[in-house]
Amino acid sequence: MNTPLSEKEAQAFAALAHEAGPALRGRQPAQWLNQLETQHTHLNAVLDWCIHHDVALGVDIAGEIWPFWLNRGHLVEGVDWLNKLIESPNPHPTALGRARALAGAGNLAFHQGKFEASAAWLHESLAIAEIHNDAQGIAEANGGLSRIAMSKNDAAAMRQYSQIALEAARQADYETGIAIALHHLAHAALIDGDLAAAERLYGDNVATYRAMQRADLVASELHNLGHVACLRGHIQQAKSLFIESLAVIEHIGGSPIRPYDYIGLGRVAAALAQPRLAAMFMSAGLGTLQNEGKAVVPLLRGDVERTLAQLQTTLSPEAYASAEAEGRKLDTLAVLTLAAQL
């Protein structure tokens, strides 16, 4: 029988979370991501104790560590905890910890495709951050709202939110916030159909992220350059970029962009008339997203749907189902090995 958690243990974990928070948003989050993974069961026990005994403490903890849920594939669990904590009676409704938790809930809900809930949480987070003149919180909330604008293909609003986020992040010397704002400005060019500008901005970001020693962000932008190359019809270039992104991800031990590289290679394989491989790669990516409780990001949804429709027309139902089943068994090394055959 488990020994009941004590307040002292909950407070000790809160101190750990406050130490982890900046690192999870900084240059080298892997150490803390790994540590929180090893303490995953304890984290859940602490948050359960907080729900019943000290909601404000639980909100503070969740506000610090939510990037763990996003980056390690615990999206559904994270949204569930954040929702319970945010909706519970809280004696400190305008505390900065609540603003961070709301930003986390908004960002995680976005990745689930729950855009209306995401926007509501992000707006509330922004309002609290503005009360406290918290530049990092303002950057984080506006970065999330820029994603909501992206879901509506509203490039003008993306730029507006991203410029505010960029200014606030620079004021706070918040490197990750700066990086995200630059990333979203490149996305806005892509939504406008200006592939040359998008390619230039993504390329500039790769150089910026390398200087920041943020391999995870480098991988993300290499993927986006691959997406632009696909749209330009530069298929071999796209293949090289998706493979390079996956190699970076394998080196650092994981990234939310991994399934999108699988999907990118599926688009490459389809363009190179390799429908079985394409279906396998698409299945690997979509299966990973499904397992993590994520929806396909709006920026890629149309391309994904078109590729799937093409493959379902090209392959027989039996061949497609077989390739799909094989794809769900693939890991990164297997995908890289198969991609070398393209």
Protein backbone atom coordinates (compact mmCIF):
# COMPACT_ATOMS: atom_id res chain seq x y z
CA MET A 1 0.00 0.00 0.00
CA ASN A 2 1.38 3.43 -0.99
CA THR A 3 2.27 5.86 1.78
CA PRO A 4 0.15 9.04 1.49
CA LEU A 5 2.01 12.02 0.10
CA SER A 6 2.93 14.74 2.58
CA GLU A 7 2.82 18.50 2.17
CA LYS A 8 6.59 18.55 2.61
CA GLU A 9 6.99 16.23 -0.40
CA ALA A 10 4.66 18.38 -2.49
CA GLN A 11 6.58 21.53 -1.57
CA ALA A 12 9.86 19.80 -2.41
CA PHE A 13 8.55 18.86 -5.84
CA ALA A 14 7.35 22.43 -6.37
CA ALA A 15 10.89 23.65 -5.69
CA LEU A 16 12.14 21.13 -8.24
CA ALA A 17 9.57 22.34 -10.79
CA HIS A 18 10.64 25.96 -10.32
CA GLU A 19 14.23 24.90 -10.98
CA ALA A 20 13.19 22.90 -14.04
CA GLY A 21 10.94 25.58 -15.58
CA PRO A 22 13.61 27.90 -17.00
CA ALA A 23 15.66 24.96 -18.29
CA LEU A 24 12.64 23.43 -20.02
CA ARG A 25 12.27 26.73 -21.91
CA GLY A 26 16.02 27.17 -22.41
CA ARG A 27 18.88 25.88 -24.53
CA GLN A 28 19.32 22.38 -23.13
CA PRO A 29 16.04 20.98 -21.79
CA ALA A 30 16.97 17.31 -22.30
CA GLN A 31 18.39 16.75 -18.80
CA TRP A 32 15.24 18.02 -17.13
CA LEU A 33 12.95 16.24 -19.58
CA ASN A 34 14.73 13.00 -18.72
CA GLN A 35 14.57 13.69 -14.98
CA LEU A 36 10.86 14.45 -15.09
CA GLU A 37 10.29 11.29 -17.10
CA THR A 38 11.94 9.24 -14.34
CA GLN A 39 9.72 11.03 -11.78
CA HIS A 40 6.58 10.85 -13.90
CA THR A 41 4.64 8.70 -11.42
CA HIS A 42 5.67 10.97 -8.54
CA LEU A 43 4.63 14.05 -10.54
CA ASN A 44 1.15 12.60 -10.97
CA ALA A 45 0.94 11.79 -7.26
CA VAL A 46 1.98 15.34 -6.35
CA LEU A 47 -0.59 16.92 -8.65
CA ASP A 48 -3.30 14.62 -7.29
CA TRP A 49 -2.39 15.72 -3.76
CA CYS A 50 -2.53 19.36 -4.89
CA ILE A 51 -6.01 18.93 -6.38
CA HIS A 52 -7.27 17.89 -2.95
CA HIS A 53 -5.11 20.03 -0.66
CA ASP A 54 -3.42 23.00 -2.37
CA VAL A 55 -4.64 23.91 -5.85
CA ALA A 56 -2.47 27.01 -6.08
CA LEU A 57 0.66 24.91 -5.53
CA GLY A 58 -0.46 22.49 -8.25
CA VAL A 59 -1.08 25.37 -10.65
CA ASP A 60 2.44 26.67 -9.97
CA ILE A 61 3.95 23.24 -10.64
CA ALA A 62 1.98 22.68 -13.84
CA GLY A 63 2.79 26.19 -15.05
CA GLU A 64 6.49 25.41 -14.79
CA ILE A 65 6.66 21.88 -16.20
CA TRP A 66 4.05 21.83 -19.00
CA PRO A 67 6.73 21.74 -21.74
CA PHE A 68 7.53 18.25 -20.42
CA TRP A 69 4.05 17.02 -21.35
CA LEU A 70 4.34 18.58 -24.80
CA ASN A 71 7.83 17.34 -25.62
CA ARG A 72 7.55 13.83 -24.23
CA GLY A 73 4.24 12.85 -25.80
CA HIS A 74 2.05 13.16 -22.67
CA LEU A 75 -0.29 15.69 -24.23
CA VAL A 76 -3.62 14.20 -23.15
CA GLU A 77 -2.39 13.75 -19.58
CA GLY A 78 -1.04 17.29 -19.47
CA VAL A 79 -4.24 18.87 -20.73
CA ASP A 80 -6.22 16.81 -18.24
CA TRP A 81 -4.12 17.99 -15.28
CA LEU A 82 -4.06 21.60 -16.44
CA ASN A 83 -7.81 21.63 -16.99
CA LYS A 84 -8.49 20.19 -13.52
CA LEU A 85 -6.17 22.68 -11.86
CA ILE A 86 -7.34 25.71 -13.79
CA GLU A 87 -11.01 24.92 -13.21
CA SER A 88 -10.59 24.25 -9.47
CA PRO A 89 -11.31 27.08 -6.99
CA ASN A 90 -8.07 29.04 -6.62
CA PRO A 91 -7.36 31.68 -3.93
CA HIS A 92 -4.94 33.43 -6.32
CA PRO A 93 -6.83 33.89 -9.63
CA THR A 94 -4.40 36.47 -11.05
CA ALA A 95 -1.11 34.93 -9.88
CA LEU A 96 1.70 34.54 -12.41
CA GLY A 97 1.70 30.80 -11.83
CA ARG A 98 -1.85 30.68 -13.15
CA ALA A 99 -0.80 32.71 -16.21
CA ARG A 100 1.92 30.14 -16.97
CA ALA A 101 -0.48 27.25 -16.46
CA LEU A 102 -3.05 28.89 -18.76
CA ALA A 103 -0.35 29.39 -21.40
CA GLY A 104 0.51 25.72 -21.08
CA ALA A 105 -3.12 24.66 -21.40
CA GLY A 106 -3.53 26.89 -24.44
CA ASN A 107 -0.43 25.58 -26.18
CA LEU A 108 -1.22 21.94 -25.47
CA ALA A 109 -4.85 22.33 -26.56
CA PHE A 110 -3.64 23.85 -29.84
CA HIS A 111 -1.70 20.68 -30.58
CA GLN A 112 -4.88 18.70 -29.97
CA GLY A 113 -6.71 20.82 -32.54
CA LYS A 114 -8.91 22.42 -29.84
CA PHE A 115 -8.46 25.96 -31.11
CA GLU A 116 -11.39 27.65 -29.36
CA ALA A 117 -10.37 26.41 -25.91
CA SER A 118 -6.75 27.20 -26.69
CA ALA A 119 -7.55 30.81 -27.60
CA ALA A 120 -9.64 31.36 -24.45
CA TRP A 121 -6.88 30.08 -22.16
CA LEU A 122 -4.19 32.08 -23.98
CA HIS A 123 -6.19 35.33 -23.78
CA GLU A 124 -6.68 34.83 -20.03
CA SER A 125 -2.97 34.09 -19.63
CA LEU A 126 -2.10 37.26 -21.54
CA ALA A 127 -4.41 39.38 -19.37
CA ILE A 128 -2.72 38.18 -16.17
CA ALA A 129 0.77 38.58 -17.63
CA GLU A 130 -0.07 42.16 -18.59
CA ILE A 131 -1.30 42.92 -15.05
CA HIS A 132 2.15 41.90 -13.78
CA ASN A 133 4.02 43.41 -16.74
CA ASP A 134 5.61 39.98 -17.16
CA ALA A 135 7.41 40.20 -20.50
CA GLN A 136 8.11 36.48 -20.76
CA GLY A 137 4.47 35.65 -20.09
CA ILE A 138 3.36 38.22 -22.64
CA ALA A 139 5.70 36.65 -25.18
CA GLU A 140 4.50 33.13 -24.42
CA ALA A 141 0.80 34.00 -24.68
CA ASN A 142 1.20 36.02 -27.87
CA GLY A 143 3.24 33.20 -29.38
CA GLY A 144 0.35 30.85 -28.69
CA LEU A 145 -2.18 33.30 -30.14
CA SER A 146 -0.05 33.52 -33.26
CA ARG A 147 -0.56 29.75 -33.66
CA ILE A 148 -4.31 30.25 -33.37
CA ALA A 149 -4.10 32.83 -36.18
CA MET A 150 -2.17 30.27 -38.20
CA SER A 151 -5.03 27.80 -37.79
CA LYS A 152 -7.24 30.38 -39.52
CA ASN A 153 -4.68 31.09 -42.29
CA ASP A 154 -4.57 34.68 -41.01
CA ALA A 155 -1.04 35.80 -41.86
CA ALA A 156 -1.68 39.42 -40.84
CA ALA A 157 -2.77 38.43 -37.32
CA MET A 158 0.16 36.02 -37.10
CA ARG A 159 2.55 38.87 -37.80
CA GLN A 160 0.81 41.13 -35.30
CA TYR A 161 0.97 38.61 -32.45
CA SER A 162 4.49 37.53 -33.42
CA GLN A 163 5.86 41.06 -33.46
CA ILE A 164 4.45 41.68 -29.97
CA ALA A 165 5.88 38.36 -28.81
CA LEU A 166 9.26 39.16 -30.36
CA GLU A 167 9.47 42.57 -28.64
CA ALA A 168 8.44 41.12 -25.27
CA ALA A 169 10.80 38.16 -25.57
CA ARG A 170 13.70 40.46 -26.36
CA GLN A 171 12.78 42.62 -23.37
CA ALA A 172 12.83 39.51 -21.15
CA ASP A 173 15.96 38.08 -22.83
CA TYR A 174 13.81 35.00 -23.45
CA GLU A 175 15.64 33.17 -26.23
CA THR A 176 13.01 30.53 -26.84
CA GLY A 177 10.33 33.22 -27.16
CA ILE A 178 12.50 35.06 -29.69
CA ALA A 179 12.99 31.85 -31.64
CA ILE A 180 9.28 31.02 -31.69
CA ALA A 181 8.36 34.53 -32.86
CA LEU A 182 10.86 34.33 -35.73
CA HIS A 183 9.55 30.87 -36.56
CA HIS A 184 5.98 32.18 -36.77
CA LEU A 185 6.99 35.13 -38.95
CA ALA A 186 8.37 32.60 -41.43
CA HIS A 187 5.10 30.66 -41.23
CA ALA A 188 3.20 33.85 -42.05
CA ALA A 189 5.18 34.23 -45.28
CA LEU A 190 4.32 30.63 -46.14
CA ILE A 191 0.61 31.25 -45.55
CA ASP A 192 0.83 34.24 -47.89
CA GLY A 193 2.27 31.92 -50.55
CA ASP A 194 5.60 33.75 -50.64
CA LEU A 195 7.80 30.66 -50.81
CA ALA A 196 10.98 32.64 -51.45
CA ALA A 197 10.47 34.77 -48.32
CA ALA A 198 9.51 31.71 -46.25
CA GLU A 199 12.61 29.83 -47.43
CA ARG A 200 14.84 32.81 -46.62
CA LEU A 201 13.31 33.30 -43.16
CA TYR A 202 13.48 29.60 -42.26
CA GLY A 203 17.09 29.54 -43.44
CA ASP A 204 17.93 32.61 -41.35
CA ASN A 205 16.31 30.90 -38.37
CA VAL A 206 18.47 27.79 -38.81
CA ALA A 207 21.57 29.98 -38.51
CA THR A 208 20.09 31.80 -35.49
CA TYR A 209 19.14 28.56 -33.75
CA ARG A 210 22.58 27.04 -34.38
CA ALA A 211 24.14 30.09 -32.74
CA MET A 212 21.78 29.56 -29.79
CA GLN A 213 22.86 25.89 -29.63
CA ARG A 214 19.20 24.85 -29.93
CA ALA A 215 19.41 21.65 -31.94
CA ASP A 216 15.71 20.96 -31.33
CA LEU A 217 14.77 24.23 -33.04
CA VAL A 218 17.26 23.59 -35.85
CA ALA A 219 15.51 20.28 -36.52
CA SER A 220 12.14 22.03 -36.64
CA GLU A 221 13.28 24.61 -39.15
CA LEU A 222 15.07 22.04 -41.32
CA HIS A 223 11.71 20.30 -41.49
CA ASN A 224 10.00 23.52 -42.56
CA LEU A 225 12.61 24.07 -45.26
CA GLY A 226 11.79 20.55 -46.42
CA HIS A 227 8.12 21.49 -46.58
CA VAL A 228 8.94 24.53 -48.73
CA ALA A 229 11.11 22.36 -50.99
CA CYS A 230 8.15 19.99 -51.45
CA LEU A 231 5.92 22.89 -52.43
CA ARG A 232 8.56 24.07 -54.91
CA GLY A 233 8.80 20.59 -56.42
CA HIS A 234 12.42 20.20 -55.27
CA ILE A 235 11.88 16.66 -54.07
CA GLN A 236 15.46 15.48 -53.59
CA GLN A 237 16.24 18.65 -51.63
CA ALA A 238 13.18 18.00 -49.47
CA LYS A 239 14.30 14.42 -48.87
CA SER A 240 17.74 15.59 -47.72
CA LEU A 241 16.25 18.19 -45.37
CA PHE A 242 13.79 15.76 -43.73
CA ILE A 243 16.57 13.21 -43.27
CA GLU A 244 18.89 15.84 -41.80
CA SER A 245 16.14 16.95 -39.40
CA LEU A 246 15.55 13.36 -38.29
CA ALA A 247 19.27 12.80 -37.79
CA VAL A 248 19.40 15.83 -35.47
CA ILE A 249 16.35 14.56 -33.58
CA GLU A 250 17.89 11.11 -33.16
CA HIS A 251 21.06 12.71 -31.81
CA ILE A 252 19.27 14.83 -29.19
CA GLY A 253 16.90 12.03 -28.17
CA GLY A 254 13.54 13.27 -29.41
CA SER A 255 11.43 16.18 -30.63
CA PRO A 256 7.75 16.90 -31.34
CA ILE A 257 8.79 17.43 -34.98
CA ARG A 258 9.74 13.74 -35.45
CA PRO A 259 6.33 12.55 -36.76
CA TYR A 260 6.23 15.48 -39.19
CA ASP A 261 9.55 14.39 -40.69
CA TYR A 262 8.04 10.93 -41.21
CA ILE A 263 5.09 12.58 -42.94
CA GLY A 264 7.44 14.76 -44.99
CA LEU A 265 9.27 11.66 -46.24
CA GLY A 266 5.88 10.17 -47.08
CA ARG A 267 5.21 13.15 -49.34
CA VAL A 268 8.66 12.71 -50.89
CA ALA A 269 8.05 9.01 -51.53
CA ALA A 270 4.67 9.76 -53.11
CA ALA A 271 6.26 12.35 -55.41
CA LEU A 272 8.91 9.77 -56.41
CA ALA A 273 6.25 7.20 -57.30
CA GLN A 274 6.97 4.95 -54.32
CA PRO A 275 3.42 4.62 -52.98
CA ARG A 276 4.02 1.72 -50.59
CA LEU A 277 6.91 3.49 -48.87
CA ALA A 278 4.88 6.70 -48.88
CA ALA A 279 1.97 4.99 -47.12
CA MET A 280 4.35 3.45 -44.58
CA PHE A 281 5.97 6.80 -43.76
CA MET A 282 2.63 8.59 -43.55
CA SER A 283 1.29 5.89 -41.24
CA ALA A 284 4.39 6.12 -39.02
CA GLY A 285 3.92 9.86 -38.64
CA LEU A 286 0.17 9.93 -38.21
CA GLY A 287 0.30 6.96 -35.84
CA THR A 288 2.87 8.74 -33.66
CA LEU A 289 0.72 11.87 -33.54
CA GLN A 290 -2.34 9.81 -32.64
CA ASN A 291 -0.45 8.00 -29.87
CA GLU A 292 0.57 11.38 -28.44
CA GLY A 293 -2.97 12.77 -28.60
CA LYS A 294 -2.07 15.33 -31.26
CA ALA A 295 -3.82 16.56 -34.39
CA VAL A 296 -1.96 17.43 -37.58
CA VAL A 297 -0.99 21.11 -37.46
CA PRO A 298 -3.23 23.25 -39.69
CA LEU A 299 -0.29 24.40 -41.83
CA LEU A 300 0.23 20.84 -43.13
CA ARG A 301 -3.29 19.40 -42.97
CA GLY A 302 -4.19 20.09 -46.59
CA ASP A 303 -0.96 18.57 -47.93
CA VAL A 304 -1.40 15.51 -45.72
CA GLU A 305 -4.98 14.99 -46.86
CA ARG A 306 -4.01 15.33 -50.53
CA THR A 307 -1.16 12.85 -50.17
CA LEU A 308 -3.37 10.31 -48.41
CA ALA A 309 -6.06 10.64 -51.07
CA GLN A 310 -3.44 10.09 -53.80
CA LEU A 311 -2.10 6.97 -52.08
CA GLN A 312 -5.55 5.51 -51.48
CA THR A 313 -6.25 5.92 -55.18
CA THR A 314 -2.91 4.47 -56.29
CA LEU A 315 -2.81 1.45 -53.97
CA SER A 316 -5.44 -1.22 -53.63
CA PRO A 317 -7.28 -1.22 -50.30
CA GLU A 318 -5.40 -4.36 -49.29
CA ALA A 319 -1.99 -2.94 -50.24
CA TYR A 320 -2.72 0.34 -48.49
CA ALA A 321 -3.86 -1.42 -45.29
CA SER A 322 -0.73 -3.61 -45.35
CA ALA A 323 1.59 -0.62 -45.81
CA GLU A 324 -0.24 1.28 -43.09
CA ALA A 325 0.20 -1.61 -40.65
CA GLU A 326 3.91 -1.88 -41.48
CA GLY A 327 4.35 1.86 -41.06
CA ARG A 328 3.04 1.83 -37.51
CA LYS A 329 5.91 -0.49 -36.54
CA LEU A 330 8.65 1.86 -37.78
CA ASP A 331 11.02 3.77 -35.54
CA THR A 332 13.36 6.58 -36.59
CA LEU A 333 16.28 4.34 -37.55
CA ALA A 334 13.99 2.18 -39.70
CA VAL A 335 12.54 5.28 -41.39
CA LEU A 336 16.04 6.61 -42.11
CA THR A 337 17.11 3.25 -43.54
CA LEU A 338 14.09 3.09 -45.84
CA ALA A 339 14.44 6.76 -46.82
CA ALA A 340 17.95 6.05 -48.09
CA GLN A 341 16.31 3.85 -50.76
CA LEU A 342 14.41 6.79 -52.26
